[in-house]
Amino acid sequence: MYKHILIPTDGTPIADKAVDAGIAYAKEVGAKVTLFTAVPEYDVPGEAEFIARQAISLEEHERRSDKLAGSILGPAAARAAAAGVDFDTDYAQNNRPYRAIVGAAESHGCDAIFMSSHGRSGLARMWHGSETEGVLTHSSIPTLVYR
């Protein structure tokens, strides 16, 4: 049985399927859950952003990242709390979410990952990539994928 499950989410309805399934499974087996999301990294502003007065500081980016992560993780945390599941939340700034997911699973000592797949194909897959495929390729932790 799994004891600590990582549930990455981007807050979409498709990701919510994995959140709900992961929470239900954790409740059934008495596992702990870590709800996780990845937000964009800080991009050093270029000259154009400074001229257009659109540059933000690193501190402002941190504030916005924390707010974004909270807006994604808050609803999932509320569902875990309502189910009576032991949980925590975490996020990382990373432009390659699959790397952040694998890193979070390892650093939190998770023995399973429950995540969704958007099921993109064709040009959408080429443009957006597949974070699920990245996790499956780069992690040895058992991963259950929801669609």
N, C-alpha and C. Protein backbone atom coordinates (compact mmCIF):
# COMPACT_ATOMS: atom_id res chain seq x y z
N MET A 1 0.82 -1.18 0.00
CA MET A 1 0.00 0.00 0.00
C MET A 1 0.88 1.26 0.00
N TYR A 2 0.39 2.26 -0.65
CA TYR A 2 1.10 3.53 -0.68
C TYR A 2 0.83 4.31 0.61
N LYS A 3 1.85 4.99 1.08
CA LYS A 3 1.75 5.73 2.33
C LYS A 3 1.76 7.24 2.14
N HIS A 4 2.35 7.70 1.02
CA HIS A 4 2.46 9.15 0.78
C HIS A 4 2.33 9.40 -0.72
N ILE A 5 1.26 10.06 -1.10
CA ILE A 5 0.94 10.25 -2.52
C ILE A 5 1.12 11.71 -2.90
N LEU A 6 1.84 11.94 -3.98
CA LEU A 6 1.94 13.29 -4.56
C LEU A 6 0.82 13.44 -5.57
N ILE A 7 0.08 14.53 -5.46
CA ILE A 7 -0.97 14.82 -6.43
C ILE A 7 -0.69 16.19 -7.04
N PRO A 8 -0.04 16.21 -8.21
CA PRO A 8 0.19 17.49 -8.88
C PRO A 8 -1.08 17.96 -9.57
N THR A 9 -1.28 19.27 -9.57
CA THR A 9 -2.47 19.83 -10.20
C THR A 9 -2.15 21.19 -10.81
N ASP A 10 -2.85 21.50 -11.88
CA ASP A 10 -2.77 22.84 -12.45
C ASP A 10 -4.11 23.57 -12.28
N GLY A 11 -5.00 22.96 -11.52
CA GLY A 11 -6.28 23.59 -11.22
C GLY A 11 -7.35 23.41 -12.28
N THR A 12 -7.06 22.67 -13.34
CA THR A 12 -8.05 22.47 -14.40
C THR A 12 -9.04 21.37 -14.02
N PRO A 13 -10.19 21.33 -14.67
CA PRO A 13 -11.15 20.25 -14.40
C PRO A 13 -10.57 18.86 -14.63
N ILE A 14 -9.71 18.71 -15.61
CA ILE A 14 -9.09 17.40 -15.85
C ILE A 14 -8.18 17.03 -14.69
N ALA A 15 -7.41 17.99 -14.19
CA ALA A 15 -6.53 17.72 -13.05
C ALA A 15 -7.35 17.41 -11.80
N ASP A 16 -8.53 18.02 -11.69
CA ASP A 16 -9.39 17.76 -10.54
C ASP A 16 -9.79 16.29 -10.44
N LYS A 17 -9.88 15.60 -11.56
CA LYS A 17 -10.20 14.17 -11.53
C LYS A 17 -9.13 13.41 -10.75
N ALA A 18 -7.87 13.72 -11.02
CA ALA A 18 -6.79 13.04 -10.31
C ALA A 18 -6.75 13.46 -8.84
N VAL A 19 -7.04 14.73 -8.58
CA VAL A 19 -7.08 15.21 -7.19
C VAL A 19 -8.14 14.43 -6.42
N ASP A 20 -9.34 14.35 -6.96
CA ASP A 20 -10.42 13.66 -6.27
C ASP A 20 -10.12 12.17 -6.10
N ALA A 21 -9.59 11.54 -7.14
CA ALA A 21 -9.27 10.11 -7.06
C ALA A 21 -8.14 9.86 -6.06
N GLY A 22 -7.14 10.72 -6.08
CA GLY A 22 -6.01 10.56 -5.15
C GLY A 22 -6.44 10.74 -3.70
N ILE A 23 -7.30 11.73 -3.46
CA ILE A 23 -7.81 11.96 -2.10
C ILE A 23 -8.67 10.77 -1.66
N ALA A 24 -9.52 10.27 -2.53
CA ALA A 24 -10.37 9.13 -2.19
C ALA A 24 -9.52 7.90 -1.88
N TYR A 25 -8.50 7.67 -2.69
CA TYR A 25 -7.63 6.52 -2.45
C TYR A 25 -6.88 6.69 -1.13
N ALA A 26 -6.35 7.87 -0.89
CA ALA A 26 -5.61 8.13 0.35
C ALA A 26 -6.50 7.91 1.57
N LYS A 27 -7.74 8.34 1.49
CA LYS A 27 -8.66 8.14 2.60
C LYS A 27 -8.89 6.65 2.84
N GLU A 28 -9.05 5.91 1.76
CA GLU A 28 -9.32 4.48 1.85
C GLU A 28 -8.17 3.71 2.50
N VAL A 29 -6.94 4.08 2.16
CA VAL A 29 -5.78 3.32 2.66
C VAL A 29 -5.05 4.01 3.81
N GLY A 30 -5.50 5.20 4.19
CA GLY A 30 -4.85 5.92 5.29
C GLY A 30 -3.52 6.55 4.92
N ALA A 31 -3.39 6.97 3.67
CA ALA A 31 -2.14 7.58 3.20
C ALA A 31 -2.18 9.09 3.38
N LYS A 32 -1.00 9.67 3.43
CA LYS A 32 -0.85 11.13 3.44
C LYS A 32 -0.78 11.60 1.99
N VAL A 33 -1.20 12.85 1.75
CA VAL A 33 -1.19 13.43 0.42
C VAL A 33 -0.39 14.73 0.44
N THR A 34 0.41 14.93 -0.59
CA THR A 34 1.01 16.24 -0.83
C THR A 34 0.42 16.76 -2.13
N LEU A 35 -0.28 17.87 -2.03
CA LEU A 35 -0.85 18.53 -3.21
C LEU A 35 0.21 19.50 -3.72
N PHE A 36 0.45 19.48 -5.03
CA PHE A 36 1.59 20.20 -5.59
C PHE A 36 1.22 20.89 -6.90
N THR A 37 1.82 22.04 -7.12
CA THR A 37 1.70 22.70 -8.42
C THR A 37 3.02 23.37 -8.77
N ALA A 38 3.23 23.58 -10.04
CA ALA A 38 4.41 24.30 -10.53
C ALA A 38 3.94 25.59 -11.18
N VAL A 39 4.65 26.66 -10.89
CA VAL A 39 4.35 27.97 -11.46
C VAL A 39 5.58 28.44 -12.25
N PRO A 40 5.39 29.38 -13.17
CA PRO A 40 6.52 29.82 -13.99
C PRO A 40 7.66 30.45 -13.18
N GLU A 41 8.85 30.23 -13.67
CA GLU A 41 10.04 30.83 -13.08
C GLU A 41 10.09 32.32 -13.37
N TYR A 42 10.92 33.02 -12.63
CA TYR A 42 11.14 34.45 -12.86
C TYR A 42 11.97 34.62 -14.13
N ASP A 43 11.50 35.46 -15.01
CA ASP A 43 12.25 35.81 -16.22
C ASP A 43 12.86 37.19 -16.00
N VAL A 44 14.16 37.27 -16.13
CA VAL A 44 14.84 38.55 -15.97
C VAL A 44 14.31 39.49 -17.05
N PRO A 45 13.83 40.66 -16.64
CA PRO A 45 13.25 41.57 -17.63
C PRO A 45 14.30 42.09 -18.61
N GLY A 46 13.86 42.23 -19.83
CA GLY A 46 14.73 42.79 -20.86
C GLY A 46 14.51 44.30 -20.98
N GLU A 47 15.24 44.87 -21.87
CA GLU A 47 15.17 46.32 -22.07
C GLU A 47 13.75 46.77 -22.43
N ALA A 48 13.08 45.99 -23.26
CA ALA A 48 11.73 46.36 -23.70
C ALA A 48 10.76 46.44 -22.52
N GLU A 49 10.88 45.49 -21.57
CA GLU A 49 9.99 45.52 -20.41
C GLU A 49 10.26 46.76 -19.54
N PHE A 50 11.54 47.13 -19.42
CA PHE A 50 11.86 48.33 -18.64
C PHE A 50 11.32 49.59 -19.32
N ILE A 51 11.50 49.69 -20.62
CA ILE A 51 11.02 50.86 -21.36
C ILE A 51 9.50 50.96 -21.27
N ALA A 52 8.84 49.81 -21.39
CA ALA A 52 7.37 49.80 -21.33
C ALA A 52 6.84 49.81 -19.89
N ARG A 53 7.74 49.88 -18.94
CA ARG A 53 7.40 49.87 -17.51
C ARG A 53 6.57 48.64 -17.14
N GLN A 54 6.94 47.51 -17.72
CA GLN A 54 6.25 46.27 -17.42
C GLN A 54 7.13 45.30 -16.63
N ALA A 55 8.33 45.72 -16.28
CA ALA A 55 9.23 44.86 -15.52
C ALA A 55 8.74 44.73 -14.09
N ILE A 56 8.83 43.52 -13.55
CA ILE A 56 8.50 43.32 -12.15
C ILE A 56 9.74 42.82 -11.42
N SER A 57 9.80 43.11 -10.15
CA SER A 57 10.94 42.69 -9.34
C SER A 57 10.82 41.21 -9.00
N LEU A 58 11.92 40.66 -8.55
CA LEU A 58 11.92 39.27 -8.09
C LEU A 58 10.96 39.11 -6.92
N GLU A 59 10.93 40.08 -6.03
CA GLU A 59 10.02 40.03 -4.89
C GLU A 59 8.56 40.03 -5.32
N GLU A 60 8.24 40.84 -6.32
CA GLU A 60 6.87 40.87 -6.83
C GLU A 60 6.52 39.55 -7.50
N HIS A 61 7.47 38.98 -8.23
CA HIS A 61 7.24 37.67 -8.86
C HIS A 61 6.98 36.61 -7.78
N GLU A 62 7.74 36.64 -6.69
CA GLU A 62 7.53 35.70 -5.59
C GLU A 62 6.12 35.85 -5.02
N ARG A 63 5.69 37.09 -4.83
CA ARG A 63 4.36 37.35 -4.30
C ARG A 63 3.28 36.81 -5.23
N ARG A 64 3.44 37.09 -6.52
CA ARG A 64 2.46 36.60 -7.51
C ARG A 64 2.48 35.08 -7.60
N SER A 65 3.65 34.49 -7.52
CA SER A 65 3.76 33.03 -7.57
C SER A 65 3.05 32.39 -6.39
N ASP A 66 3.25 32.95 -5.21
CA ASP A 66 2.61 32.43 -4.01
C ASP A 66 1.09 32.55 -4.13
N LYS A 67 0.62 33.67 -4.66
CA LYS A 67 -0.82 33.88 -4.84
C LYS A 67 -1.39 32.89 -5.86
N LEU A 68 -0.69 32.70 -6.98
CA LEU A 68 -1.14 31.77 -8.01
C LEU A 68 -1.19 30.35 -7.47
N ALA A 69 -0.12 29.94 -6.79
CA ALA A 69 -0.08 28.59 -6.22
C ALA A 69 -1.22 28.40 -5.22
N GLY A 70 -1.46 29.41 -4.40
CA GLY A 70 -2.56 29.32 -3.43
C GLY A 70 -3.91 29.18 -4.09
N SER A 71 -4.10 29.88 -5.20
CA SER A 71 -5.39 29.80 -5.90
C SER A 71 -5.59 28.43 -6.55
N ILE A 72 -4.50 27.77 -6.91
CA ILE A 72 -4.59 26.42 -7.50
C ILE A 72 -4.74 25.37 -6.41
N LEU A 73 -3.94 25.49 -5.35
CA LEU A 73 -3.91 24.46 -4.31
C LEU A 73 -5.03 24.60 -3.28
N GLY A 74 -5.55 25.81 -3.10
CA GLY A 74 -6.58 26.03 -2.09
C GLY A 74 -7.80 25.14 -2.24
N PRO A 75 -8.41 25.09 -3.43
CA PRO A 75 -9.59 24.22 -3.59
C PRO A 75 -9.28 22.74 -3.36
N ALA A 76 -8.12 22.30 -3.80
CA ALA A 76 -7.73 20.89 -3.59
C ALA A 76 -7.52 20.62 -2.11
N ALA A 77 -6.90 21.57 -1.42
CA ALA A 77 -6.67 21.42 0.02
C ALA A 77 -8.00 21.36 0.77
N ALA A 78 -8.96 22.16 0.34
CA ALA A 78 -10.27 22.15 0.99
C ALA A 78 -10.94 20.78 0.82
N ARG A 79 -10.79 20.18 -0.35
CA ARG A 79 -11.38 18.85 -0.58
C ARG A 79 -10.68 17.79 0.28
N ALA A 80 -9.36 17.89 0.42
CA ALA A 80 -8.62 16.93 1.26
C ALA A 80 -9.03 17.09 2.72
N ALA A 81 -9.16 18.33 3.17
CA ALA A 81 -9.57 18.57 4.55
C ALA A 81 -10.98 18.04 4.80
N ALA A 82 -11.87 18.28 3.85
CA ALA A 82 -13.25 17.81 4.00
C ALA A 82 -13.32 16.28 4.05
N ALA A 83 -12.39 15.63 3.37
CA ALA A 83 -12.36 14.17 3.36
C ALA A 83 -11.66 13.60 4.59
N GLY A 84 -11.04 14.47 5.38
CA GLY A 84 -10.32 14.01 6.56
C GLY A 84 -8.99 13.35 6.25
N VAL A 85 -8.38 13.72 5.14
CA VAL A 85 -7.10 13.14 4.72
C VAL A 85 -5.97 14.03 5.22
N ASP A 86 -4.93 13.40 5.76
CA ASP A 86 -3.72 14.12 6.17
C ASP A 86 -3.04 14.63 4.91
N PHE A 87 -2.81 15.95 4.84
CA PHE A 87 -2.24 16.52 3.62
C PHE A 87 -1.34 17.70 3.94
N ASP A 88 -0.51 18.03 2.96
CA ASP A 88 0.20 19.30 2.96
C ASP A 88 0.22 19.79 1.52
N THR A 89 0.67 21.03 1.34
CA THR A 89 0.74 21.61 0.01
C THR A 89 2.14 22.13 -0.23
N ASP A 90 2.50 22.20 -1.50
CA ASP A 90 3.81 22.71 -1.88
C ASP A 90 3.73 23.17 -3.33
N TYR A 91 4.63 24.08 -3.66
CA TYR A 91 4.75 24.48 -5.05
C TYR A 91 6.21 24.81 -5.34
N ALA A 92 6.52 24.84 -6.63
CA ALA A 92 7.87 25.21 -7.06
C ALA A 92 7.75 26.08 -8.30
N GLN A 93 8.74 26.95 -8.47
CA GLN A 93 8.84 27.72 -9.70
C GLN A 93 9.70 26.92 -10.67
N ASN A 94 9.10 26.53 -11.77
CA ASN A 94 9.83 25.75 -12.76
C ASN A 94 9.08 25.84 -14.08
N ASN A 95 9.80 26.14 -15.15
CA ASN A 95 9.17 26.22 -16.47
C ASN A 95 9.00 24.86 -17.11
N ARG A 96 9.49 23.82 -16.47
CA ARG A 96 9.30 22.43 -16.89
C ARG A 96 8.58 21.70 -15.76
N PRO A 97 7.25 21.79 -15.72
CA PRO A 97 6.52 21.22 -14.59
C PRO A 97 6.85 19.76 -14.28
N TYR A 98 7.12 18.95 -15.29
CA TYR A 98 7.41 17.54 -15.00
C TYR A 98 8.65 17.42 -14.12
N ARG A 99 9.63 18.29 -14.33
CA ARG A 99 10.83 18.25 -13.48
C ARG A 99 10.49 18.62 -12.04
N ALA A 100 9.65 19.62 -11.89
CA ALA A 100 9.22 20.03 -10.55
C ALA A 100 8.43 18.92 -9.86
N ILE A 101 7.59 18.24 -10.62
CA ILE A 101 6.77 17.15 -10.07
C ILE A 101 7.67 16.01 -9.60
N VAL A 102 8.59 15.59 -10.43
CA VAL A 102 9.51 14.51 -10.05
C VAL A 102 10.33 14.92 -8.83
N GLY A 103 10.83 16.13 -8.83
CA GLY A 103 11.61 16.63 -7.70
C GLY A 103 10.80 16.68 -6.42
N ALA A 104 9.55 17.12 -6.52
CA ALA A 104 8.68 17.19 -5.33
C ALA A 104 8.40 15.79 -4.79
N ALA A 105 8.11 14.85 -5.68
CA ALA A 105 7.84 13.48 -5.23
C ALA A 105 9.05 12.91 -4.49
N GLU A 106 10.23 13.17 -5.02
CA GLU A 106 11.45 12.67 -4.38
C GLU A 106 11.71 13.38 -3.06
N SER A 107 11.62 14.71 -3.04
CA SER A 107 11.95 15.45 -1.82
C SER A 107 10.94 15.22 -0.69
N HIS A 108 9.71 14.92 -1.03
CA HIS A 108 8.70 14.66 0.00
C HIS A 108 8.63 13.19 0.38
N GLY A 109 9.43 12.35 -0.27
CA GLY A 109 9.43 10.93 0.04
C GLY A 109 8.15 10.22 -0.38
N CYS A 110 7.55 10.67 -1.46
CA CYS A 110 6.30 10.06 -1.93
C CYS A 110 6.60 8.71 -2.58
N ASP A 111 5.67 7.78 -2.39
CA ASP A 111 5.84 6.46 -2.99
C ASP A 111 4.85 6.23 -4.13
N ALA A 112 4.07 7.27 -4.49
CA ALA A 112 3.16 7.19 -5.63
C ALA A 112 2.82 8.60 -6.08
N ILE A 113 2.49 8.71 -7.36
CA ILE A 113 2.04 9.97 -7.95
C ILE A 113 0.70 9.68 -8.63
N PHE A 114 -0.31 10.48 -8.32
CA PHE A 114 -1.61 10.42 -8.99
C PHE A 114 -1.72 11.72 -9.78
N MET A 115 -1.79 11.64 -11.10
CA MET A 115 -1.88 12.85 -11.91
C MET A 115 -2.77 12.66 -13.11
N SER A 116 -3.14 13.77 -13.72
CA SER A 116 -4.00 13.72 -14.89
C SER A 116 -3.17 13.88 -16.15
N SER A 117 -3.83 13.58 -17.25
CA SER A 117 -3.24 13.82 -18.57
C SER A 117 -4.29 14.56 -19.39
N HIS A 118 -3.85 15.61 -20.05
CA HIS A 118 -4.79 16.38 -20.88
C HIS A 118 -5.08 15.68 -22.20
N GLY A 119 -4.32 14.65 -22.53
CA GLY A 119 -4.60 13.86 -23.72
C GLY A 119 -4.41 14.62 -25.02
N ARG A 120 -3.46 15.54 -25.03
CA ARG A 120 -3.22 16.31 -26.25
C ARG A 120 -2.57 15.41 -27.31
N SER A 121 -2.85 15.76 -28.56
CA SER A 121 -2.21 15.06 -29.67
C SER A 121 -1.93 16.06 -30.78
N GLY A 122 -1.22 15.62 -31.77
CA GLY A 122 -0.92 16.46 -32.93
C GLY A 122 -0.14 17.71 -32.58
N LEU A 123 -0.56 18.84 -33.17
CA LEU A 123 0.15 20.10 -32.96
C LEU A 123 0.08 20.57 -31.51
N ALA A 124 -1.05 20.34 -30.86
CA ALA A 124 -1.18 20.76 -29.45
C ALA A 124 -0.15 20.05 -28.59
N ARG A 125 0.08 18.77 -28.85
CA ARG A 125 1.07 18.02 -28.08
C ARG A 125 2.47 18.55 -28.37
N MET A 126 2.74 18.85 -29.64
CA MET A 126 4.05 19.37 -30.01
C MET A 126 4.27 20.75 -29.38
N TRP A 127 3.24 21.58 -29.36
CA TRP A 127 3.37 22.93 -28.83
C TRP A 127 3.46 22.93 -27.31
N HIS A 128 2.54 22.22 -26.65
CA HIS A 128 2.47 22.24 -25.19
C HIS A 128 3.29 21.14 -24.53
N GLY A 129 3.62 20.10 -25.28
CA GLY A 129 4.35 18.99 -24.68
C GLY A 129 3.44 18.17 -23.79
N SER A 130 4.03 17.21 -23.13
CA SER A 130 3.27 16.37 -22.22
C SER A 130 4.01 16.28 -20.90
N GLU A 131 3.48 16.93 -19.90
CA GLU A 131 4.10 16.87 -18.58
C GLU A 131 3.98 15.46 -18.01
N THR A 132 2.85 14.81 -18.29
CA THR A 132 2.65 13.44 -17.82
C THR A 132 3.71 12.52 -18.41
N GLU A 133 3.94 12.65 -19.70
CA GLU A 133 4.97 11.83 -20.35
C GLU A 133 6.34 12.10 -19.73
N GLY A 134 6.63 13.35 -19.42
CA GLY A 134 7.89 13.69 -18.78
C GLY A 134 8.03 13.02 -17.42
N VAL A 135 6.96 13.01 -16.63
CA VAL A 135 7.00 12.34 -15.33
C VAL A 135 7.21 10.84 -15.51
N LEU A 136 6.44 10.25 -16.42
CA LEU A 136 6.57 8.81 -16.64
C LEU A 136 7.96 8.43 -17.12
N THR A 137 8.58 9.29 -17.91
CA THR A 137 9.91 9.02 -18.46
C THR A 137 11.02 9.23 -17.45
N HIS A 138 10.87 10.21 -16.57
CA HIS A 138 11.98 10.62 -15.70
C HIS A 138 11.83 10.22 -14.23
N SER A 139 10.80 9.50 -13.88
CA SER A 139 10.61 9.11 -12.49
C SER A 139 10.47 7.60 -12.38
N SER A 140 11.02 7.04 -11.33
CA SER A 140 10.85 5.61 -11.06
C SER A 140 9.71 5.37 -10.07
N ILE A 141 9.07 6.44 -9.62
CA ILE A 141 7.97 6.33 -8.66
C ILE A 141 6.70 5.91 -9.41
N PRO A 142 5.98 4.91 -8.91
CA PRO A 142 4.75 4.49 -9.59
C PRO A 142 3.80 5.68 -9.78
N THR A 143 3.27 5.78 -11.01
CA THR A 143 2.42 6.92 -11.36
C THR A 143 1.12 6.41 -11.98
N LEU A 144 0.02 6.87 -11.41
CA LEU A 144 -1.29 6.53 -11.93
C LEU A 144 -1.82 7.76 -12.67
N VAL A 145 -2.22 7.57 -13.93
CA VAL A 145 -2.63 8.68 -14.79
C VAL A 145 -4.14 8.62 -15.03
N TYR A 146 -4.79 9.77 -14.81
CA TYR A 146 -6.22 9.91 -15.03
C TYR A 146 -6.48 10.74 -16.27
N ARG A 147 -7.53 10.36 -17.02
CA ARG A 147 -7.96 11.14 -18.19
C ARG A 147 -9.43 11.38 -18.14
